[in-house]
């Protein structure tokens, strides 16, 4: 192979390695964000389950009287 062709291949390889590293960082950040969001959703679901078991926080329908009447 010619020197120019080898240099072009080395440059492309370097670009691909840089892109791979950047994408790896993005995936790692997204994994951390997903873990945090999953934890928050679990907490909210648990909190809502506790609220339902206590009987509070129901949805008021149009024909129901408010509790202060």
C-alpha atoms as a PDB file:
ATOM      1  CA  UNK A   1       0.000   0.000   0.000  1.00  0.00           C
ATOM      2  CA  UNK A   2       1.077   3.520  -0.557  1.00  0.00           C
ATOM      3  CA  UNK A   3       2.064   5.790   2.313  1.00  0.00           C
ATOM      4  CA  UNK A   4      -0.840   8.152   1.582  1.00  0.00           C
ATOM      5  CA  UNK A   5      -3.362   5.322   1.697  1.00  0.00           C
ATOM      6  CA  UNK A   6      -1.980   4.030   5.002  1.00  0.00           C
ATOM      7  CA  UNK A   7      -2.114   7.526   6.487  1.00  0.00           C
ATOM      8  CA  UNK A   8      -5.753   7.918   5.375  1.00  0.00           C
ATOM      9  CA  UNK A   9      -6.665   4.604   7.004  1.00  0.00           C
ATOM     10  CA  UNK A  10      -4.899   5.599  10.220  1.00  0.00           C
ATOM     11  CA  UNK A  11      -6.800   8.898  10.290  1.00  0.00           C
ATOM     12  CA  UNK A  12     -10.131   7.124   9.780  1.00  0.00           C
ATOM     13  CA  UNK A  13      -9.255   4.635  12.505  1.00  0.00           C
ATOM     14  CA  UNK A  14      -8.398   7.467  14.891  1.00  0.00           C
ATOM     15  CA  UNK A  15     -11.706   9.205  14.122  1.00  0.00           C
ATOM     16  CA  UNK A  16     -13.634   5.978  14.698  1.00  0.00           C
ATOM     17  CA  UNK A  17     -11.870   5.382  18.012  1.00  0.00           C
ATOM     18  CA  UNK A  18     -12.676   8.925  19.132  1.00  0.00           C
ATOM     19  CA  UNK A  19     -16.327   8.505  18.132  1.00  0.00           C
ATOM     20  CA  UNK A  20     -16.515   5.170  19.941  1.00  0.00           C
ATOM     21  CA  UNK A  21     -15.117   6.738  23.114  1.00  0.00           C
ATOM     22  CA  UNK A  22     -17.600   9.613  22.916  1.00  0.00           C
ATOM     23  CA  UNK A  23     -20.521   7.241  22.387  1.00  0.00           C
ATOM     24  CA  UNK A  24     -19.339   5.102  25.285  1.00  0.00           C
ATOM     25  CA  UNK A  25     -19.412   8.178  27.531  1.00  0.00           C
ATOM     26  CA  UNK A  26     -22.923   9.018  26.351  1.00  0.00           C
ATOM     27  CA  UNK A  27     -24.156   5.490  27.030  1.00  0.00           C
ATOM     28  CA  UNK A  28     -22.600   5.513  30.519  1.00  0.00           C
ATOM     29  CA  UNK A  29     -24.254   8.852  31.326  1.00  0.00           C
ATOM     30  CA  UNK A  30     -27.612   7.609  30.050  1.00  0.00           C
ATOM     31  CA  UNK A  31     -27.279   4.450  32.128  1.00  0.00           C
ATOM     32  CA  UNK A  32     -26.785   6.556  35.268  1.00  0.00           C
ATOM     33  CA  UNK A  33     -29.761   8.778  34.374  1.00  0.00           C
ATOM     34  CA  UNK A  34     -31.976   5.748  33.743  1.00  0.00           C
ATOM     35  CA  UNK A  35     -30.986   4.280  37.112  1.00  0.00           C
ATOM     36  CA  UNK A  36     -31.872   7.534  38.894  1.00  0.00           C
ATOM     37  CA  UNK A  37     -35.175   7.863  37.043  1.00  0.00           C
ATOM     38  CA  UNK A  38     -36.070   4.214  37.704  1.00  0.00           C
ATOM     39  CA  UNK A  39     -35.439   4.754  41.404  1.00  0.00           C
ATOM     40  CA  UNK A  40     -37.624   7.868  41.412  1.00  0.00           C
ATOM     41  CA  UNK A  41     -40.467   6.061  39.639  1.00  0.00           C
ATOM     42  CA  UNK A  42     -40.261   3.212  42.163  1.00  0.00           C
ATOM     43  CA  UNK A  43     -40.436   5.708  45.023  1.00  0.00           C
ATOM     44  CA  UNK A  44     -43.441   7.440  43.472  1.00  0.00           C
ATOM     45  CA  UNK A  45     -45.214   4.134  42.907  1.00  0.00           C
ATOM     46  CA  UNK A  46     -44.559   3.101  46.495  1.00  0.00           C
ATOM     47  CA  UNK A  47     -45.799   6.448  47.778  1.00  0.00           C
ATOM     48  CA  UNK A  48     -48.941   6.210  45.659  1.00  0.00           C
ATOM     49  CA  UNK A  49     -49.530   2.651  46.868  1.00  0.00           C
ATOM     50  CA  UNK A  50     -49.291   3.809  50.466  1.00  0.00           C
ATOM     51  CA  UNK A  51     -51.684   6.662  49.731  1.00  0.00           C
ATOM     52  CA  UNK A  52     -54.190   4.243  48.167  1.00  0.00           C
ATOM     53  CA  UNK A  53     -53.955   1.858  51.120  1.00  0.00           C
ATOM     54  CA  UNK A  54     -54.702   4.747  53.497  1.00  0.00           C
ATOM     55  CA  UNK A  55     -57.827   5.569  51.518  1.00  0.00           C
ATOM     56  CA  UNK A  56     -56.836   9.144  50.715  1.00  0.00           C
ATOM     57  CA  UNK A  57     -56.145  10.918  47.493  1.00  0.00           C
ATOM     58  CA  UNK A  58     -59.100   9.549  45.573  1.00  0.00           C
ATOM     59  CA  UNK A  59     -60.357  11.094  42.378  1.00  0.00           C
ATOM     60  CA  UNK A  60     -63.496  13.184  42.767  1.00  0.00           C
ATOM     61  CA  UNK A  61     -66.136  12.532  40.164  1.00  0.00           C
ATOM     62  CA  UNK A  62     -68.473  15.267  38.892  1.00  0.00           C
ATOM     63  CA  UNK A  63     -71.565  14.100  40.797  1.00  0.00           C
ATOM     64  CA  UNK A  64     -69.828  13.551  44.166  1.00  0.00           C
ATOM     65  CA  UNK A  65     -70.030  16.105  46.938  1.00  0.00           C
ATOM     66  CA  UNK A  66     -66.760  17.502  48.224  1.00  0.00           C
ATOM     67  CA  UNK A  67     -65.743  16.173  51.675  1.00  0.00           C
ATOM     68  CA  UNK A  68     -66.335  19.552  53.390  1.00  0.00           C
ATOM     69  CA  UNK A  69     -70.115  19.480  52.735  1.00  0.00           C
END
